[in-house]
Amino acid sequence: QVQLIESGGGVVQAGDSLRLSCAASRRTLNNYDMGWLRQAPGKDRELLAFIRWKNGDTHYADSVEGRFTISRDNAENMLYLQMNHLTPEDPAVYYCAAAHLGGWLDTDYDYWGQGTQVTVSS
């Protein structure tokens, strides 16, 4: 079983940047596609980006394309989300997740972290 632990959330101002990290314990992230999702109060969970294990291909939701960058370090079992130009629409709990075959459905993901809160003040 993969255990995922997010970190890096916090309170920032609109326009600022933040980098989230996701560490895997107990098991390597090799052979898993990885994704970042978020959920704001009263809203559905939203898949923001995912990255393939096999070739490193990345995919982004329209809402974050050009502002957020997903990356991974397979040797260190780490996943990252660089978030730039944060807006008041970005506050949420951000989760990393692992999938044997990642996609655009949150049900594609088999393992989840506990989440990290991102707050953006205007």
N, C-alpha and C. Protein backbone atom coordinates (compact mmCIF):
# COMPACT_ATOMS: atom_id res chain seq x y z
N GLN A 1 0.85 -1.19 0.00
CA GLN A 1 0.00 0.00 0.00
C GLN A 1 0.88 1.24 0.00
N VAL A 2 0.47 2.25 -0.75
CA VAL A 2 1.22 3.49 -0.84
C VAL A 2 0.67 4.47 0.18
N GLN A 3 1.54 5.06 0.96
CA GLN A 3 1.13 6.15 1.85
C GLN A 3 1.71 7.44 1.32
N LEU A 4 0.85 8.45 1.24
CA LEU A 4 1.23 9.73 0.66
C LEU A 4 1.06 10.83 1.69
N ILE A 5 2.02 11.71 1.75
CA ILE A 5 1.99 12.80 2.72
C ILE A 5 2.29 14.11 2.00
N GLU A 6 1.29 15.01 1.99
CA GLU A 6 1.48 16.30 1.36
C GLU A 6 2.05 17.30 2.34
N SER A 7 2.73 18.29 1.81
CA SER A 7 3.23 19.40 2.62
C SER A 7 3.38 20.62 1.72
N GLY A 8 3.57 21.78 2.35
CA GLY A 8 3.82 22.99 1.59
C GLY A 8 2.65 23.95 1.51
N GLY A 9 1.49 23.55 2.01
CA GLY A 9 0.36 24.46 2.00
C GLY A 9 0.57 25.61 2.96
N GLY A 10 -0.28 26.63 2.85
CA GLY A 10 -0.16 27.77 3.74
C GLY A 10 -1.04 28.91 3.28
N VAL A 11 -0.78 30.07 3.84
CA VAL A 11 -1.52 31.28 3.52
C VAL A 11 -0.63 32.19 2.70
N VAL A 12 -1.11 32.57 1.54
CA VAL A 12 -0.37 33.46 0.66
C VAL A 12 -1.30 34.54 0.15
N GLN A 13 -0.72 35.53 -0.49
CA GLN A 13 -1.53 36.58 -1.09
C GLN A 13 -1.75 36.29 -2.57
N ALA A 14 -2.81 36.86 -3.09
CA ALA A 14 -3.09 36.71 -4.52
C ALA A 14 -1.87 37.18 -5.32
N GLY A 15 -1.53 36.36 -6.32
CA GLY A 15 -0.36 36.65 -7.14
C GLY A 15 0.90 35.95 -6.70
N ASP A 16 0.89 35.43 -5.47
CA ASP A 16 2.05 34.73 -4.95
C ASP A 16 2.17 33.33 -5.53
N SER A 17 3.28 32.70 -5.21
CA SER A 17 3.52 31.32 -5.63
C SER A 17 3.66 30.43 -4.40
N LEU A 18 3.42 29.15 -4.63
CA LEU A 18 3.54 28.16 -3.57
C LEU A 18 3.92 26.84 -4.22
N ARG A 19 4.74 26.07 -3.52
CA ARG A 19 5.12 24.76 -4.04
C ARG A 19 4.68 23.68 -3.06
N LEU A 20 3.84 22.79 -3.54
CA LEU A 20 3.40 21.66 -2.74
C LEU A 20 4.28 20.45 -3.03
N SER A 21 4.48 19.66 -1.99
CA SER A 21 5.25 18.43 -2.12
C SER A 21 4.41 17.26 -1.64
N CYS A 22 4.70 16.11 -2.18
CA CYS A 22 4.02 14.88 -1.78
C CYS A 22 5.08 13.79 -1.68
N ALA A 23 5.21 13.25 -0.49
CA ALA A 23 6.20 12.21 -0.25
C ALA A 23 5.51 10.87 -0.10
N ALA A 24 6.12 9.85 -0.66
CA ALA A 24 5.59 8.50 -0.53
C ALA A 24 6.40 7.73 0.50
N SER A 25 5.69 7.01 1.33
CA SER A 25 6.39 6.17 2.29
C SER A 25 5.91 4.73 2.11
N ARG A 26 6.68 3.84 2.60
CA ARG A 26 6.38 2.41 2.57
C ARG A 26 6.53 1.77 1.19
N ARG A 27 6.42 2.58 0.16
CA ARG A 27 6.49 1.96 -1.16
C ARG A 27 6.91 3.00 -2.17
N THR A 28 7.58 2.56 -3.21
CA THR A 28 8.02 3.47 -4.25
C THR A 28 6.86 3.97 -5.10
N LEU A 29 7.03 5.14 -5.66
CA LEU A 29 6.05 5.68 -6.59
C LEU A 29 6.26 5.20 -8.02
N ASN A 30 7.32 4.44 -8.21
CA ASN A 30 7.54 3.87 -9.54
C ASN A 30 6.33 3.03 -9.94
N ASN A 31 5.97 3.12 -11.19
CA ASN A 31 4.84 2.39 -11.78
C ASN A 31 3.49 2.98 -11.42
N TYR A 32 3.48 4.15 -10.77
CA TYR A 32 2.22 4.82 -10.49
C TYR A 32 2.15 6.15 -11.23
N ASP A 33 1.05 6.38 -11.91
CA ASP A 33 0.75 7.73 -12.35
C ASP A 33 0.33 8.53 -11.13
N MET A 34 0.68 9.82 -11.13
CA MET A 34 0.42 10.64 -9.95
C MET A 34 -0.39 11.88 -10.32
N GLY A 35 -1.27 12.27 -9.43
CA GLY A 35 -2.10 13.43 -9.70
C GLY A 35 -2.20 14.36 -8.51
N TRP A 36 -2.59 15.59 -8.80
CA TRP A 36 -2.93 16.57 -7.77
C TRP A 36 -4.40 16.94 -7.96
N LEU A 37 -5.13 16.95 -6.88
CA LEU A 37 -6.53 17.30 -6.87
C LEU A 37 -6.75 18.31 -5.76
N ARG A 38 -7.88 19.00 -5.82
CA ARG A 38 -8.22 19.92 -4.74
C ARG A 38 -9.73 19.90 -4.51
N GLN A 39 -10.09 20.29 -3.32
CA GLN A 39 -11.51 20.41 -2.99
C GLN A 39 -11.71 21.62 -2.10
N ALA A 40 -12.54 22.52 -2.58
CA ALA A 40 -12.91 23.71 -1.82
C ALA A 40 -14.23 23.44 -1.13
N PRO A 41 -14.51 24.14 -0.04
CA PRO A 41 -15.77 23.94 0.68
C PRO A 41 -16.97 24.13 -0.24
N GLY A 42 -17.89 23.16 -0.22
CA GLY A 42 -19.09 23.27 -1.01
C GLY A 42 -18.92 22.98 -2.48
N LYS A 43 -17.73 22.58 -2.88
CA LYS A 43 -17.48 22.30 -4.29
C LYS A 43 -17.05 20.85 -4.48
N ASP A 44 -17.21 20.37 -5.70
CA ASP A 44 -16.75 19.02 -6.03
C ASP A 44 -15.23 18.98 -6.06
N ARG A 45 -14.71 17.80 -5.85
CA ARG A 45 -13.27 17.62 -5.97
C ARG A 45 -12.87 17.80 -7.42
N GLU A 46 -11.76 18.47 -7.63
CA GLU A 46 -11.31 18.84 -8.98
C GLU A 46 -9.92 18.28 -9.22
N LEU A 47 -9.78 17.54 -10.30
CA LEU A 47 -8.46 17.05 -10.68
C LEU A 47 -7.74 18.16 -11.43
N LEU A 48 -6.56 18.52 -10.96
CA LEU A 48 -5.82 19.65 -11.52
C LEU A 48 -4.79 19.23 -12.56
N ALA A 49 -4.09 18.16 -12.26
CA ALA A 49 -2.99 17.74 -13.14
C ALA A 49 -2.60 16.32 -12.80
N PHE A 50 -2.09 15.62 -13.79
CA PHE A 50 -1.49 14.33 -13.50
C PHE A 50 -0.30 14.11 -14.41
N ILE A 51 0.57 13.20 -13.95
CA ILE A 51 1.81 12.94 -14.66
C ILE A 51 2.00 11.43 -14.75
N ARG A 52 2.35 10.99 -15.94
CA ARG A 52 2.54 9.57 -16.18
C ARG A 52 3.87 9.08 -15.62
N TRP A 53 3.83 7.86 -15.10
CA TRP A 53 5.06 7.22 -14.65
C TRP A 53 5.92 6.85 -15.85
N LYS A 54 5.28 6.33 -16.92
CA LYS A 54 6.01 5.68 -17.99
C LYS A 54 6.88 6.66 -18.78
N ASN A 55 6.33 7.82 -19.12
CA ASN A 55 7.06 8.73 -19.99
C ASN A 55 7.11 10.17 -19.47
N GLY A 56 6.52 10.40 -18.29
CA GLY A 56 6.56 11.74 -17.73
C GLY A 56 5.60 12.72 -18.37
N ASP A 57 4.72 12.24 -19.24
CA ASP A 57 3.74 13.14 -19.85
C ASP A 57 2.89 13.79 -18.78
N THR A 58 2.60 15.07 -18.97
CA THR A 58 1.79 15.81 -18.01
C THR A 58 0.49 16.28 -18.67
N HIS A 59 -0.52 16.41 -17.85
CA HIS A 59 -1.84 16.84 -18.30
C HIS A 59 -2.39 17.80 -17.28
N TYR A 60 -3.06 18.87 -17.76
CA TYR A 60 -3.53 19.91 -16.87
C TYR A 60 -4.99 20.26 -17.15
N ALA A 61 -5.69 20.60 -16.08
CA ALA A 61 -7.03 21.15 -16.24
C ALA A 61 -6.92 22.58 -16.77
N ASP A 62 -7.95 23.01 -17.47
CA ASP A 62 -7.94 24.36 -18.03
C ASP A 62 -7.76 25.42 -16.95
N SER A 63 -8.29 25.14 -15.77
CA SER A 63 -8.28 26.14 -14.69
C SER A 63 -6.86 26.44 -14.19
N VAL A 64 -5.91 25.54 -14.45
CA VAL A 64 -4.56 25.75 -13.93
C VAL A 64 -3.50 25.72 -15.02
N GLU A 65 -3.88 25.41 -16.23
CA GLU A 65 -2.93 25.35 -17.35
C GLU A 65 -2.17 26.67 -17.44
N GLY A 66 -0.85 26.58 -17.52
CA GLY A 66 -0.04 27.78 -17.63
C GLY A 66 0.35 28.41 -16.31
N ARG A 67 -0.34 28.03 -15.22
CA ARG A 67 -0.01 28.58 -13.90
C ARG A 67 0.62 27.53 -12.99
N PHE A 68 0.16 26.30 -13.08
CA PHE A 68 0.63 25.23 -12.22
C PHE A 68 1.49 24.26 -13.03
N THR A 69 2.49 23.70 -12.36
CA THR A 69 3.36 22.72 -13.00
C THR A 69 3.51 21.52 -12.09
N ILE A 70 3.18 20.35 -12.62
CA ILE A 70 3.36 19.11 -11.88
C ILE A 70 4.68 18.49 -12.29
N SER A 71 5.37 17.92 -11.31
CA SER A 71 6.63 17.25 -11.61
C SER A 71 6.85 16.15 -10.58
N ARG A 72 7.75 15.27 -10.89
CA ARG A 72 8.02 14.16 -9.99
C ARG A 72 9.51 13.83 -10.00
N ASP A 73 9.96 13.30 -8.90
CA ASP A 73 11.33 12.80 -8.79
C ASP A 73 11.21 11.34 -8.37
N ASN A 74 11.29 10.47 -9.34
CA ASN A 74 11.06 9.05 -9.06
C ASN A 74 12.14 8.48 -8.14
N ALA A 75 13.34 8.98 -8.25
CA ALA A 75 14.42 8.46 -7.41
C ALA A 75 14.19 8.79 -5.94
N GLU A 76 13.56 9.94 -5.69
CA GLU A 76 13.31 10.37 -4.32
C GLU A 76 11.88 10.07 -3.87
N ASN A 77 11.09 9.47 -4.74
CA ASN A 77 9.68 9.18 -4.41
C ASN A 77 8.91 10.43 -4.03
N MET A 78 9.10 11.48 -4.82
CA MET A 78 8.46 12.75 -4.53
C MET A 78 7.64 13.23 -5.72
N LEU A 79 6.57 13.92 -5.41
CA LEU A 79 5.72 14.59 -6.39
C LEU A 79 5.61 16.04 -5.97
N TYR A 80 5.55 16.94 -6.97
CA TYR A 80 5.49 18.36 -6.66
C TYR A 80 4.39 19.03 -7.48
N LEU A 81 3.93 20.15 -6.95
CA LEU A 81 3.03 21.02 -7.69
C LEU A 81 3.49 22.45 -7.45
N GLN A 82 4.07 23.05 -8.48
CA GLN A 82 4.44 24.46 -8.42
C GLN A 82 3.24 25.29 -8.84
N MET A 83 2.80 26.16 -7.96
CA MET A 83 1.62 26.97 -8.23
C MET A 83 2.03 28.43 -8.29
N ASN A 84 1.83 29.05 -9.42
CA ASN A 84 2.16 30.46 -9.62
C ASN A 84 0.90 31.27 -9.85
N HIS A 85 1.02 32.56 -9.61
CA HIS A 85 -0.10 33.49 -9.86
C HIS A 85 -1.39 33.00 -9.19
N LEU A 86 -1.29 32.69 -7.91
CA LEU A 86 -2.46 32.19 -7.19
C LEU A 86 -3.53 33.26 -7.12
N THR A 87 -4.78 32.83 -7.22
CA THR A 87 -5.92 33.74 -7.22
C THR A 87 -6.86 33.37 -6.08
N PRO A 88 -7.82 34.24 -5.79
CA PRO A 88 -8.81 33.91 -4.74
C PRO A 88 -9.68 32.71 -5.10
N GLU A 89 -9.60 32.20 -6.33
CA GLU A 89 -10.36 30.99 -6.72
C GLU A 89 -9.59 29.71 -6.41
N ASP A 90 -8.33 29.83 -5.98
CA ASP A 90 -7.51 28.66 -5.75
C ASP A 90 -7.55 28.06 -4.34
N PRO A 91 -8.04 28.73 -3.32
CA PRO A 91 -8.05 28.13 -1.98
C PRO A 91 -8.83 26.83 -1.93
N ALA A 92 -8.22 25.85 -1.30
CA ALA A 92 -8.83 24.53 -1.19
C ALA A 92 -7.89 23.65 -0.38
N VAL A 93 -8.35 22.45 -0.09
CA VAL A 93 -7.46 21.41 0.39
C VAL A 93 -6.91 20.70 -0.85
N TYR A 94 -5.61 20.61 -0.92
CA TYR A 94 -4.95 20.01 -2.07
C TYR A 94 -4.46 18.61 -1.69
N TYR A 95 -4.74 17.66 -2.57
CA TYR A 95 -4.40 16.27 -2.33
C TYR A 95 -3.50 15.74 -3.45
N CYS A 96 -2.57 14.90 -3.09
CA CYS A 96 -1.89 14.13 -4.11
C CYS A 96 -2.47 12.72 -4.09
N ALA A 97 -2.39 12.05 -5.22
CA ALA A 97 -2.98 10.73 -5.34
C ALA A 97 -2.18 9.90 -6.34
N ALA A 98 -2.23 8.60 -6.15
CA ALA A 98 -1.50 7.66 -6.99
C ALA A 98 -2.47 6.71 -7.66
N ALA A 99 -2.17 6.38 -8.91
CA ALA A 99 -3.03 5.50 -9.68
C ALA A 99 -2.19 4.53 -10.49
N HIS A 100 -2.70 3.32 -10.64
CA HIS A 100 -2.03 2.39 -11.55
C HIS A 100 -2.14 2.90 -12.98
N LEU A 101 -3.26 3.55 -13.29
CA LEU A 101 -3.42 4.22 -14.58
C LEU A 101 -4.21 5.48 -14.33
N GLY A 102 -3.51 6.61 -14.31
CA GLY A 102 -4.15 7.87 -13.98
C GLY A 102 -5.00 8.40 -15.12
N GLY A 103 -5.99 9.20 -14.74
CA GLY A 103 -6.87 9.82 -15.72
C GLY A 103 -7.56 11.00 -15.11
N TRP A 104 -8.65 11.42 -15.72
CA TRP A 104 -9.36 12.62 -15.31
C TRP A 104 -10.45 12.37 -14.29
N LEU A 105 -10.65 11.15 -13.90
CA LEU A 105 -11.65 10.85 -12.87
C LEU A 105 -10.95 10.62 -11.55
N ASP A 106 -11.51 11.18 -10.46
CA ASP A 106 -10.85 10.94 -9.18
C ASP A 106 -10.96 9.48 -8.77
N THR A 107 -11.91 8.77 -9.34
CA THR A 107 -12.03 7.33 -9.07
C THR A 107 -10.92 6.53 -9.74
N ASP A 108 -10.15 7.15 -10.61
CA ASP A 108 -8.99 6.48 -11.21
C ASP A 108 -7.88 6.25 -10.19
N TYR A 109 -7.91 7.01 -9.09
CA TYR A 109 -6.79 7.04 -8.15
C TYR A 109 -7.05 6.12 -6.97
N ASP A 110 -6.01 5.34 -6.67
CA ASP A 110 -6.16 4.29 -5.67
C ASP A 110 -5.70 4.71 -4.28
N TYR A 111 -4.76 5.62 -4.21
CA TYR A 111 -4.20 6.03 -2.92
C TYR A 111 -4.19 7.55 -2.85
N TRP A 112 -4.48 8.06 -1.65
CA TRP A 112 -4.62 9.49 -1.44
C TRP A 112 -3.83 9.92 -0.22
N GLY A 113 -3.35 11.16 -0.27
CA GLY A 113 -2.79 11.74 0.93
C GLY A 113 -3.89 12.36 1.79
N GLN A 114 -3.49 12.97 2.89
CA GLN A 114 -4.46 13.55 3.82
C GLN A 114 -4.83 14.98 3.46
N GLY A 115 -4.08 15.57 2.56
CA GLY A 115 -4.37 16.91 2.08
C GLY A 115 -3.59 17.98 2.81
N THR A 116 -3.41 19.10 2.13
CA THR A 116 -2.76 20.26 2.71
C THR A 116 -3.56 21.50 2.30
N GLN A 117 -3.80 22.38 3.24
CA GLN A 117 -4.66 23.54 3.01
C GLN A 117 -3.88 24.67 2.34
N VAL A 118 -4.49 25.23 1.32
CA VAL A 118 -3.95 26.43 0.66
C VAL A 118 -4.99 27.53 0.80
N THR A 119 -4.56 28.65 1.32
CA THR A 119 -5.44 29.81 1.49
C THR A 119 -4.81 30.99 0.77
N VAL A 120 -5.64 31.70 0.02
CA VAL A 120 -5.16 32.85 -0.75
C VAL A 120 -5.95 34.07 -0.32
N SER A 121 -5.27 35.06 0.15
CA SER A 121 -5.93 36.29 0.56
C SER A 121 -5.79 37.32 -0.55
N SER A 122 -6.86 38.07 -0.75
CA SER A 122 -6.85 39.06 -1.84
C SER A 122 -6.35 40.40 -1.36
